[in-house]
Amino acid sequence: MTGLVLSAGCAGLCALNVYLGFVRPPRVLRHYAQAGAIVFFLLAFFSAYFGWREFRAVDELAALIEPVPEVVGVLYVSTAGEIQAIARAMEKIPGSGRAGKTQAERRRFAEKAESVRTRYWRVDTTLSSESVMGFYRDQRNRLDWEIGADSELFLALRRGSETLIIYTQHDRLRSITEVWYLHSHGDE
């Protein structure tokens, strides 16, 4: 939800910069407003994308495993491929300072980003760490995942060549438990 609010704010600032840079440009601010319009457009686009991904995070997680009950917040963590796409988009902006990278370096980074098939989520819940681990120790809540490693705050689950790691951490300040999910595919 935060991403969508940020996106709306950036869209408003983008509109203001379009007005000041293109519609009614004062001579002094024209170039700054035009650059600001481009930057705020990109910020609005990317924050909307990640806000949408955050909104869909629980559904994506539910496709893998039963999400922990009593969810009060969700954080979607970007994949390496998404970070690479943002870097490529930012390179196209004149004066972005990315000229030092050679084509070969960018290609190697892109290949590495595409080879990493790991996704992360963080779900905040009002349950304790013990309750979360107890929830996932129950076979009914794990679907077809088998426990590979088990400890007080950590579970490693396996399904074929896939691994799902569940880690909990209690946040005393907010009185919630953070449940981190790391899903990765093995070599196929």
C-alpha atoms as a PDB file:
ATOM      1  CA  MET A   1       0.000   0.000   0.000  1.00  0.00           C
ATOM      2  CA  THR A   2       2.880   2.361   0.741  1.00  0.00           C
ATOM      3  CA  GLY A   3       4.139   1.957  -2.826  1.00  0.00           C
ATOM      4  CA  LEU A   4       0.790   3.024  -4.244  1.00  0.00           C
ATOM      5  CA  VAL A   5       0.668   6.127  -2.034  1.00  0.00           C
ATOM      6  CA  LEU A   6       4.240   6.993  -3.028  1.00  0.00           C
ATOM      7  CA  SER A   7       3.299   6.462  -6.668  1.00  0.00           C
ATOM      8  CA  ALA A   8       0.360   8.867  -6.368  1.00  0.00           C
ATOM      9  CA  GLY A   9       2.614  11.506  -4.798  1.00  0.00           C
ATOM     10  CA  CYS A  10       5.227  11.088  -7.539  1.00  0.00           C
ATOM     11  CA  ALA A  11       2.510  11.296 -10.209  1.00  0.00           C
ATOM     12  CA  GLY A  12       1.328  14.589  -8.723  1.00  0.00           C
ATOM     13  CA  LEU A  13       4.860  15.988  -8.679  1.00  0.00           C
ATOM     14  CA  CYS A  14       5.338  14.725 -12.242  1.00  0.00           C
ATOM     15  CA  ALA A  15       2.213  16.611 -13.335  1.00  0.00           C
ATOM     16  CA  LEU A  16       3.470  19.783 -11.650  1.00  0.00           C
ATOM     17  CA  ASN A  17       6.837  19.448 -13.390  1.00  0.00           C
ATOM     18  CA  VAL A  18       5.151  18.811 -16.763  1.00  0.00           C
ATOM     19  CA  TYR A  19       3.172  22.017 -16.279  1.00  0.00           C
ATOM     20  CA  LEU A  20       6.234  24.029 -15.233  1.00  0.00           C
ATOM     21  CA  GLY A  21       8.542  22.427 -17.801  1.00  0.00           C
ATOM     22  CA  PHE A  22       6.368  22.152 -20.909  1.00  0.00           C
ATOM     23  CA  VAL A  23       3.014  23.938 -20.587  1.00  0.00           C
ATOM     24  CA  ARG A  24       3.931  27.223 -18.868  1.00  0.00           C
ATOM     25  CA  PRO A  25       7.708  27.124 -18.535  1.00  0.00           C
ATOM     26  CA  PRO A  26       9.380  30.000 -16.655  1.00  0.00           C
ATOM     27  CA  ARG A  27      12.774  30.539 -18.296  1.00  0.00           C
ATOM     28  CA  VAL A  28      14.794  29.894 -15.147  1.00  0.00           C
ATOM     29  CA  LEU A  29      13.167  26.611 -14.151  1.00  0.00           C
ATOM     30  CA  ARG A  30      12.287  25.146 -17.545  1.00  0.00           C
ATOM     31  CA  HIS A  31      15.136  22.612 -17.837  1.00  0.00           C
ATOM     32  CA  TYR A  32      14.937  21.589 -14.185  1.00  0.00           C
ATOM     33  CA  ALA A  33      11.189  21.077 -14.460  1.00  0.00           C
ATOM     34  CA  GLN A  34      11.571  19.005 -17.631  1.00  0.00           C
ATOM     35  CA  ALA A  35      14.181  16.791 -15.958  1.00  0.00           C
ATOM     36  CA  GLY A  36      11.972  16.604 -12.860  1.00  0.00           C
ATOM     37  CA  ALA A  37       9.025  15.484 -14.984  1.00  0.00           C
ATOM     38  CA  ILE A  38      11.060  12.574 -16.353  1.00  0.00           C
ATOM     39  CA  VAL A  39      12.446  11.589 -12.949  1.00  0.00           C
ATOM     40  CA  PHE A  40       9.062  11.774 -11.204  1.00  0.00           C
ATOM     41  CA  PHE A  41       7.431   9.827 -14.040  1.00  0.00           C
ATOM     42  CA  LEU A  42       9.968   7.015 -13.563  1.00  0.00           C
ATOM     43  CA  LEU A  43       9.578   7.124  -9.775  1.00  0.00           C
ATOM     44  CA  ALA A  44       5.782   6.982 -10.110  1.00  0.00           C
ATOM     45  CA  PHE A  45       6.017   4.062 -12.540  1.00  0.00           C
ATOM     46  CA  PHE A  46       8.429   2.010 -10.423  1.00  0.00           C
ATOM     47  CA  SER A  47       6.677   2.716  -7.130  1.00  0.00           C
ATOM     48  CA  ALA A  48       3.328   1.736  -8.714  1.00  0.00           C
ATOM     49  CA  TYR A  49       4.878  -1.492 -10.003  1.00  0.00           C
ATOM     50  CA  PHE A  50       6.346  -2.423  -6.624  1.00  0.00           C
ATOM     51  CA  GLY A  51       3.149  -1.361  -4.858  1.00  0.00           C
ATOM     52  CA  TRP A  52       1.222  -3.713  -7.127  1.00  0.00           C
ATOM     53  CA  ARG A  53       3.749  -6.499  -6.426  1.00  0.00           C
ATOM     54  CA  GLU A  54       3.384  -5.884  -2.692  1.00  0.00           C
ATOM     55  CA  PHE A  55      -0.402  -6.021  -3.068  1.00  0.00           C
ATOM     56  CA  ARG A  56      -0.094  -9.399  -4.847  1.00  0.00           C
ATOM     57  CA  ALA A  57       2.580 -10.812  -2.506  1.00  0.00           C
ATOM     58  CA  VAL A  58       0.209 -12.822  -0.302  1.00  0.00           C
ATOM     59  CA  ASP A  59      -1.429 -14.385  -3.381  1.00  0.00           C
ATOM     60  CA  GLU A  60       2.001 -15.322  -4.783  1.00  0.00           C
ATOM     61  CA  LEU A  61       2.964 -16.809  -1.440  1.00  0.00           C
ATOM     62  CA  ALA A  62      -0.349 -18.709  -1.227  1.00  0.00           C
ATOM     63  CA  ALA A  63       0.503 -20.416  -4.526  1.00  0.00           C
ATOM     64  CA  LEU A  64       3.524 -21.941  -2.753  1.00  0.00           C
ATOM     65  CA  ILE A  65       2.372 -22.532   0.803  1.00  0.00           C
ATOM     66  CA  GLU A  66      -0.446 -21.589   3.164  1.00  0.00           C
ATOM     67  CA  PRO A  67       0.328 -18.051   4.401  1.00  0.00           C
ATOM     68  CA  VAL A  68       0.599 -17.615   8.143  1.00  0.00           C
ATOM     69  CA  PRO A  69      -2.686 -16.454   9.746  1.00  0.00           C
ATOM     70  CA  GLU A  70      -3.301 -13.013  11.279  1.00  0.00           C
ATOM     71  CA  VAL A  71      -1.290 -11.094   8.673  1.00  0.00           C
ATOM     72  CA  VAL A  72      -1.030  -7.374   9.488  1.00  0.00           C
ATOM     73  CA  GLY A  73       1.526  -6.337   6.868  1.00  0.00           C
ATOM     74  CA  VAL A  74       3.348  -7.563   3.768  1.00  0.00           C
ATOM     75  CA  LEU A  75       6.637  -6.574   2.173  1.00  0.00           C
ATOM     76  CA  TYR A  76       7.593  -7.731  -1.306  1.00  0.00           C
ATOM     77  CA  VAL A  77      11.358  -7.877  -1.854  1.00  0.00           C
ATOM     78  CA  SER A  78      12.499  -7.208  -5.426  1.00  0.00           C
ATOM     79  CA  THR A  79      14.135  -9.967  -7.461  1.00  0.00           C
ATOM     80  CA  ALA A  80      17.515  -9.548  -9.123  1.00  0.00           C
ATOM     81  CA  GLY A  81      15.819  -9.422 -12.539  1.00  0.00           C
ATOM     82  CA  GLU A  82      13.630  -6.516 -11.456  1.00  0.00           C
ATOM     83  CA  ILE A  83      16.635  -4.622 -10.097  1.00  0.00           C
ATOM     84  CA  GLN A  84      18.411  -5.231 -13.420  1.00  0.00           C
ATOM     85  CA  ALA A  85      15.426  -3.864 -15.355  1.00  0.00           C
ATOM     86  CA  ILE A  86      15.449  -0.711 -13.241  1.00  0.00           C
ATOM     87  CA  ALA A  87      19.189  -0.313 -13.788  1.00  0.00           C
ATOM     88  CA  ARG A  88      18.710  -0.644 -17.554  1.00  0.00           C
ATOM     89  CA  ALA A  89      15.938   1.967 -17.527  1.00  0.00           C
ATOM     90  CA  MET A  90      18.032   4.374 -15.450  1.00  0.00           C
ATOM     91  CA  GLU A  91      20.971   3.971 -17.859  1.00  0.00           C
ATOM     92  CA  LYS A  92      18.895   5.475 -20.632  1.00  0.00           C
ATOM     93  CA  ILE A  93      18.506   8.773 -18.755  1.00  0.00           C
ATOM     94  CA  PRO A  94      21.114  11.264 -20.001  1.00  0.00           C
ATOM     95  CA  GLY A  95      23.639  12.145 -17.311  1.00  0.00           C
ATOM     96  CA  SER A  96      22.737   9.218 -15.056  1.00  0.00           C
ATOM     97  CA  GLY A  97      26.431   8.523 -14.404  1.00  0.00           C
ATOM     98  CA  ARG A  98      26.380   4.939 -15.677  1.00  0.00           C
ATOM     99  CA  ALA A  99      28.798   5.546 -18.558  1.00  0.00           C
ATOM    100  CA  GLY A 100      31.657   3.844 -16.666  1.00  0.00           C
ATOM    101  CA  LYS A 101      30.166   0.374 -17.144  1.00  0.00           C
ATOM    102  CA  THR A 102      31.266  -1.435 -20.251  1.00  0.00           C
ATOM    103  CA  GLN A 103      28.866  -3.427 -22.400  1.00  0.00           C
ATOM    104  CA  ALA A 104      30.547  -6.671 -21.286  1.00  0.00           C
ATOM    105  CA  GLU A 105      30.137  -5.776 -17.594  1.00  0.00           C
ATOM    106  CA  ARG A 106      26.455  -5.000 -18.116  1.00  0.00           C
ATOM    107  CA  ARG A 107      25.956  -8.265 -20.025  1.00  0.00           C
ATOM    108  CA  ARG A 108      27.641 -10.294 -17.234  1.00  0.00           C
ATOM    109  CA  PHE A 109      25.470  -8.595 -14.615  1.00  0.00           C
ATOM    110  CA  ALA A 110      22.320  -9.266 -16.667  1.00  0.00           C
ATOM    111  CA  GLU A 111      23.226 -12.948 -17.105  1.00  0.00           C
ATOM    112  CA  LYS A 112      23.871 -13.310 -13.372  1.00  0.00           C
ATOM    113  CA  ALA A 113      20.597 -11.558 -12.500  1.00  0.00           C
ATOM    114  CA  GLU A 114      18.623 -13.806 -14.836  1.00  0.00           C
ATOM    115  CA  SER A 115      20.273 -16.970 -13.466  1.00  0.00           C
ATOM    116  CA  VAL A 116      19.169 -16.185  -9.902  1.00  0.00           C
ATOM    117  CA  ARG A 117      15.694 -17.565  -9.388  1.00  0.00           C
ATOM    118  CA  THR A 118      15.039 -16.590  -5.802  1.00  0.00           C
ATOM    119  CA  ARG A 119      12.052 -14.714  -4.431  1.00  0.00           C
ATOM    120  CA  TYR A 120      11.605 -13.185  -0.987  1.00  0.00           C
ATOM    121  CA  TRP A 121       8.605 -12.059   1.024  1.00  0.00           C
ATOM    122  CA  ARG A 122       8.165 -10.704   4.528  1.00  0.00           C
ATOM    123  CA  VAL A 123       4.822 -11.078   6.247  1.00  0.00           C
ATOM    124  CA  ASP A 124       4.070  -9.401   9.580  1.00  0.00           C
ATOM    125  CA  THR A 125       1.752 -11.268  11.936  1.00  0.00           C
ATOM    126  CA  THR A 126       0.463 -10.898  15.473  1.00  0.00           C
ATOM    127  CA  LEU A 127       1.319 -14.544  16.208  1.00  0.00           C
ATOM    128  CA  SER A 128       4.422 -15.414  18.231  1.00  0.00           C
ATOM    129  CA  SER A 129       7.457 -17.041  16.589  1.00  0.00           C
ATOM    130  CA  GLU A 130       6.595 -20.321  18.305  1.00  0.00           C
ATOM    131  CA  SER A 131       3.038 -20.210  16.933  1.00  0.00           C
ATOM    132  CA  VAL A 132       4.299 -19.516  13.396  1.00  0.00           C
ATOM    133  CA  MET A 133       6.754 -22.427  13.517  1.00  0.00           C
ATOM    134  CA  GLY A 134       4.057 -24.660  15.009  1.00  0.00           C
ATOM    135  CA  PHE A 135       1.718 -23.629  12.179  1.00  0.00           C
ATOM    136  CA  TYR A 136       4.251 -24.744   9.542  1.00  0.00           C
ATOM    137  CA  ARG A 137       5.217 -27.935  11.351  1.00  0.00           C
ATOM    138  CA  ASP A 138       1.634 -29.095  10.774  1.00  0.00           C
ATOM    139  CA  GLN A 139       1.582 -30.992   7.447  1.00  0.00           C
ATOM    140  CA  ARG A 140      -1.858 -29.573   6.517  1.00  0.00           C
ATOM    141  CA  ASN A 141      -0.371 -26.054   6.310  1.00  0.00           C
ATOM    142  CA  ARG A 142       2.694 -27.047   4.269  1.00  0.00           C
ATOM    143  CA  LEU A 143       0.824 -28.567   1.321  1.00  0.00           C
ATOM    144  CA  ASP A 144       3.367 -30.917  -0.312  1.00  0.00           C
ATOM    145  CA  TRP A 145       6.523 -29.450   1.283  1.00  0.00           C
ATOM    146  CA  GLU A 146       8.721 -31.733   3.405  1.00  0.00           C
ATOM    147  CA  ILE A 147      10.757 -30.450   6.359  1.00  0.00           C
ATOM    148  CA  GLY A 148      14.488 -30.546   5.596  1.00  0.00           C
ATOM    149  CA  ALA A 149      15.727 -28.674   8.685  1.00  0.00           C
ATOM    150  CA  ASP A 150      13.878 -27.505  11.775  1.00  0.00           C
ATOM    151  CA  SER A 151      14.841 -25.212  14.650  1.00  0.00           C
ATOM    152  CA  GLU A 152      13.103 -22.815  17.004  1.00  0.00           C
ATOM    153  CA  LEU A 153      13.028 -19.839  14.591  1.00  0.00           C
ATOM    154  CA  PHE A 154      13.886 -21.460  11.244  1.00  0.00           C
ATOM    155  CA  LEU A 155      12.406 -24.073   8.910  1.00  0.00           C
ATOM    156  CA  ALA A 156      13.882 -25.309   5.648  1.00  0.00           C
ATOM    157  CA  LEU A 157      11.318 -27.024   3.435  1.00  0.00           C
ATOM    158  CA  ARG A 158      11.940 -29.003   0.255  1.00  0.00           C
ATOM    159  CA  ARG A 159       9.752 -29.968  -2.677  1.00  0.00           C
ATOM    160  CA  GLY A 160      11.659 -31.591  -5.533  1.00  0.00           C
ATOM    161  CA  SER A 161      14.376 -29.137  -6.606  1.00  0.00           C
ATOM    162  CA  GLU A 162      12.728 -26.228  -4.762  1.00  0.00           C
ATOM    163  CA  THR A 163      13.632 -24.918  -1.326  1.00  0.00           C
ATOM    164  CA  LEU A 164      11.507 -22.705   0.899  1.00  0.00           C
ATOM    165  CA  ILE A 165      13.139 -21.238   3.975  1.00  0.00           C
ATOM    166  CA  ILE A 166      10.920 -19.734   6.663  1.00  0.00           C
ATOM    167  CA  TYR A 167      12.557 -17.582   9.313  1.00  0.00           C
ATOM    168  CA  THR A 168      10.870 -15.629  12.106  1.00  0.00           C
ATOM    169  CA  GLN A 169      11.989 -12.620  14.087  1.00  0.00           C
ATOM    170  CA  HIS A 170       9.980 -10.876  16.813  1.00  0.00           C
ATOM    171  CA  ASP A 171       9.850  -7.070  16.647  1.00  0.00           C
ATOM    172  CA  ARG A 172       9.234  -5.909  20.220  1.00  0.00           C
ATOM    173  CA  LEU A 173       8.759  -2.270  19.247  1.00  0.00           C
ATOM    174  CA  ARG A 174       5.842  -3.041  16.940  1.00  0.00           C
ATOM    175  CA  SER A 175       4.646  -6.122  18.893  1.00  0.00           C
ATOM    176  CA  ILE A 176       4.621  -8.265  15.755  1.00  0.00           C
ATOM    177  CA  THR A 177       6.513 -11.222  14.382  1.00  0.00           C
ATOM    178  CA  GLU A 178       8.242 -10.847  11.016  1.00  0.00           C
ATOM    179  CA  VAL A 179       8.030 -14.037   8.964  1.00  0.00           C
ATOM    180  CA  TRP A 180      10.574 -14.138   6.127  1.00  0.00           C
ATOM    181  CA  TYR A 181      10.075 -16.532   3.219  1.00  0.00           C
ATOM    182  CA  LEU A 182      12.899 -17.310   0.792  1.00  0.00           C
ATOM    183  CA  HIS A 183      11.914 -19.478  -2.186  1.00  0.00           C
ATOM    184  CA  SER A 184      14.518 -20.757  -4.615  1.00  0.00           C
ATOM    185  CA  HIS A 185      14.600 -23.215  -7.473  1.00  0.00           C
ATOM    186  CA  GLY A 186      17.416 -25.736  -7.703  1.00  0.00           C
ATOM    187  CA  ASP A 187      19.207 -26.667 -10.891  1.00  0.00           C
ATOM    188  CA  GLU A 188      16.784 -28.309 -13.250  1.00  0.00           C
END
